[in-house]
Amino acid sequence: MDAVSEKIARAKGRRKTSVTLDEGPLNEAKALGLNVSDVCNAALSQAVRTAARAQWIEDNREAFAAQAAWQEENPNPFAGFGDGPFAGAE
């Protein structure tokens, strides 16, 4: 990457790094004209979102269990009110 390209990348909030990829898929990606950096960035972003969601669920597992227990002990007092005279009629 030349100095100008590096400055542009930094201005976009990007940073140069080194990644080791399998040769076969890399060659196929280049043959197809794919921007490998963009593909890697998209895959990394998705992996981060997935891991962050899993971590959030784990961090809040006790709160989810407490809420589920509370709902078991305190059923919805309005359950059944929305049924009306035409409930189930199709």
C-alpha atoms as a PDB file:
ATOM      1  CA  MET A   1       0.000   0.000   0.000  1.00  0.00           C
ATOM      2  CA  ASP A   2       1.503   3.348  -0.981  1.00  0.00           C
ATOM      3  CA  ALA A   3       1.525   6.370   1.332  1.00  0.00           C
ATOM      4  CA  VAL A   4      -1.538   7.997  -0.268  1.00  0.00           C
ATOM      5  CA  SER A   5      -3.618   4.804  -0.078  1.00  0.00           C
ATOM      6  CA  GLU A   6      -2.601   4.335   3.529  1.00  0.00           C
ATOM      7  CA  LYS A   7      -3.690   7.882   4.412  1.00  0.00           C
ATOM      8  CA  ILE A   8      -7.061   7.310   2.720  1.00  0.00           C
ATOM      9  CA  ALA A   9      -7.555   4.027   4.584  1.00  0.00           C
ATOM     10  CA  ARG A  10      -6.777   5.681   7.915  1.00  0.00           C
ATOM     11  CA  ALA A  11      -9.186   8.508   7.130  1.00  0.00           C
ATOM     12  CA  LYS A  12     -11.909   5.875   6.654  1.00  0.00           C
ATOM     13  CA  GLY A  13     -11.131   4.350  10.052  1.00  0.00           C
ATOM     14  CA  ARG A  14      -9.285   1.406   8.579  1.00  0.00           C
ATOM     15  CA  ARG A  15      -5.972  -0.022   9.657  1.00  0.00           C
ATOM     16  CA  LYS A  16      -3.495  -2.171   7.777  1.00  0.00           C
ATOM     17  CA  THR A  17      -2.949  -5.621   9.276  1.00  0.00           C
ATOM     18  CA  SER A  18      -1.580  -8.980   8.260  1.00  0.00           C
ATOM     19  CA  VAL A  19      -3.897 -11.953   7.739  1.00  0.00           C
ATOM     20  CA  THR A  20      -2.942 -15.456   6.652  1.00  0.00           C
ATOM     21  CA  LEU A  21      -5.485 -17.045   4.297  1.00  0.00           C
ATOM     22  CA  ASP A  22      -5.717 -20.394   2.551  1.00  0.00           C
ATOM     23  CA  GLU A  23      -4.237 -20.139  -0.917  1.00  0.00           C
ATOM     24  CA  GLY A  24      -7.102 -21.800  -2.838  1.00  0.00           C
ATOM     25  CA  PRO A  25      -9.939 -19.519  -1.763  1.00  0.00           C
ATOM     26  CA  LEU A  26      -7.659 -16.481  -1.970  1.00  0.00           C
ATOM     27  CA  ASN A  27      -6.756 -17.263  -5.590  1.00  0.00           C
ATOM     28  CA  GLU A  28     -10.423 -17.881  -6.458  1.00  0.00           C
ATOM     29  CA  ALA A  29     -11.466 -14.608  -4.820  1.00  0.00           C
ATOM     30  CA  LYS A  30      -8.869 -12.665  -6.776  1.00  0.00           C
ATOM     31  CA  ALA A  31      -9.879 -14.430 -10.019  1.00  0.00           C
ATOM     32  CA  LEU A  32     -13.474 -13.403  -9.368  1.00  0.00           C
ATOM     33  CA  GLY A  33     -12.441  -9.821  -8.738  1.00  0.00           C
ATOM     34  CA  LEU A  34     -13.495  -9.820  -5.101  1.00  0.00           C
ATOM     35  CA  ASN A  35     -12.001  -7.225  -2.791  1.00  0.00           C
ATOM     36  CA  VAL A  36     -10.422  -9.546  -0.229  1.00  0.00           C
ATOM     37  CA  SER A  37     -10.083  -6.788   2.365  1.00  0.00           C
ATOM     38  CA  ASP A  38     -13.790  -5.978   2.140  1.00  0.00           C
ATOM     39  CA  VAL A  39     -14.749  -9.659   2.344  1.00  0.00           C
ATOM     40  CA  CYS A  40     -12.507 -10.177   5.382  1.00  0.00           C
ATOM     41  CA  ASN A  41     -13.874  -7.016   7.005  1.00  0.00           C
ATOM     42  CA  ALA A  42     -17.479  -8.133   6.461  1.00  0.00           C
ATOM     43  CA  ALA A  43     -16.760 -11.614   7.847  1.00  0.00           C
ATOM     44  CA  LEU A  44     -14.949 -10.170  10.863  1.00  0.00           C
ATOM     45  CA  SER A  45     -17.799  -7.730  11.545  1.00  0.00           C
ATOM     46  CA  GLN A  46     -20.323 -10.585  11.443  1.00  0.00           C
ATOM     47  CA  ALA A  47     -18.175 -12.740  13.733  1.00  0.00           C
ATOM     48  CA  VAL A  48     -17.879  -9.859  16.214  1.00  0.00           C
ATOM     49  CA  ARG A  49     -21.664  -9.282  16.196  1.00  0.00           C
ATOM     50  CA  THR A  50     -22.295 -13.001  16.740  1.00  0.00           C
ATOM     51  CA  ALA A  51     -19.757 -13.259  19.579  1.00  0.00           C
ATOM     52  CA  ALA A  52     -21.005 -10.046  21.228  1.00  0.00           C
ATOM     53  CA  ARG A  53     -24.609 -11.317  21.130  1.00  0.00           C
ATOM     54  CA  ALA A  54     -23.584 -14.659  22.630  1.00  0.00           C
ATOM     55  CA  GLN A  55     -21.636 -12.849  25.348  1.00  0.00           C
ATOM     56  CA  TRP A  56     -24.591 -10.560  26.103  1.00  0.00           C
ATOM     57  CA  ILE A  57     -26.911 -13.563  26.421  1.00  0.00           C
ATOM     58  CA  GLU A  58     -24.442 -15.294  28.753  1.00  0.00           C
ATOM     59  CA  ASP A  59     -23.935 -12.126  30.814  1.00  0.00           C
ATOM     60  CA  ASN A  60     -27.711 -11.779  31.248  1.00  0.00           C
ATOM     61  CA  ARG A  61     -28.601 -15.458  31.694  1.00  0.00           C
ATOM     62  CA  GLU A  62     -29.476 -15.006  35.387  1.00  0.00           C
ATOM     63  CA  ALA A  63     -31.768 -12.062  34.636  1.00  0.00           C
ATOM     64  CA  PHE A  64     -33.574 -14.066  31.936  1.00  0.00           C
ATOM     65  CA  ALA A  65     -34.054 -16.960  34.351  1.00  0.00           C
ATOM     66  CA  ALA A  66     -35.341 -14.624  37.071  1.00  0.00           C
ATOM     67  CA  GLN A  67     -37.832 -13.043  34.680  1.00  0.00           C
ATOM     68  CA  ALA A  68     -39.041 -16.432  33.460  1.00  0.00           C
ATOM     69  CA  ALA A  69     -39.522 -17.574  37.069  1.00  0.00           C
ATOM     70  CA  TRP A  70     -41.432 -14.377  37.907  1.00  0.00           C
ATOM     71  CA  GLN A  71     -43.714 -14.871  34.897  1.00  0.00           C
ATOM     72  CA  GLU A  72     -44.393 -18.453  35.966  1.00  0.00           C
ATOM     73  CA  GLU A  73     -45.407 -17.241  39.419  1.00  0.00           C
ATOM     74  CA  ASN A  74     -47.340 -14.207  38.120  1.00  0.00           C
ATOM     75  CA  PRO A  75     -49.381 -15.160  35.068  1.00  0.00           C
ATOM     76  CA  ASN A  76     -50.666 -12.438  32.784  1.00  0.00           C
ATOM     77  CA  PRO A  77     -53.952 -11.159  34.283  1.00  0.00           C
ATOM     78  CA  PHE A  78     -55.159 -10.163  30.820  1.00  0.00           C
ATOM     79  CA  ALA A  79     -54.637 -13.566  29.241  1.00  0.00           C
ATOM     80  CA  GLY A  80     -57.767 -14.520  27.334  1.00  0.00           C
ATOM     81  CA  PHE A  81     -59.233 -11.007  27.143  1.00  0.00           C
ATOM     82  CA  GLY A  82     -58.234 -10.647  23.504  1.00  0.00           C
ATOM     83  CA  ASP A  83     -60.013 -13.824  22.462  1.00  0.00           C
ATOM     84  CA  GLY A  84     -63.429 -12.214  21.953  1.00  0.00           C
ATOM     85  CA  PRO A  85     -66.457 -13.904  20.404  1.00  0.00           C
ATOM     86  CA  PHE A  86     -64.701 -14.611  17.104  1.00  0.00           C
ATOM     87  CA  ALA A  87     -61.519 -16.189  18.484  1.00  0.00           C
ATOM     88  CA  GLY A  88     -60.529 -19.157  16.374  1.00  0.00           C
ATOM     89  CA  ALA A  89     -63.226 -18.478  13.744  1.00  0.00           C
ATOM     90  CA  GLU A  90     -61.826 -18.750  10.252  1.00  0.00           C
END
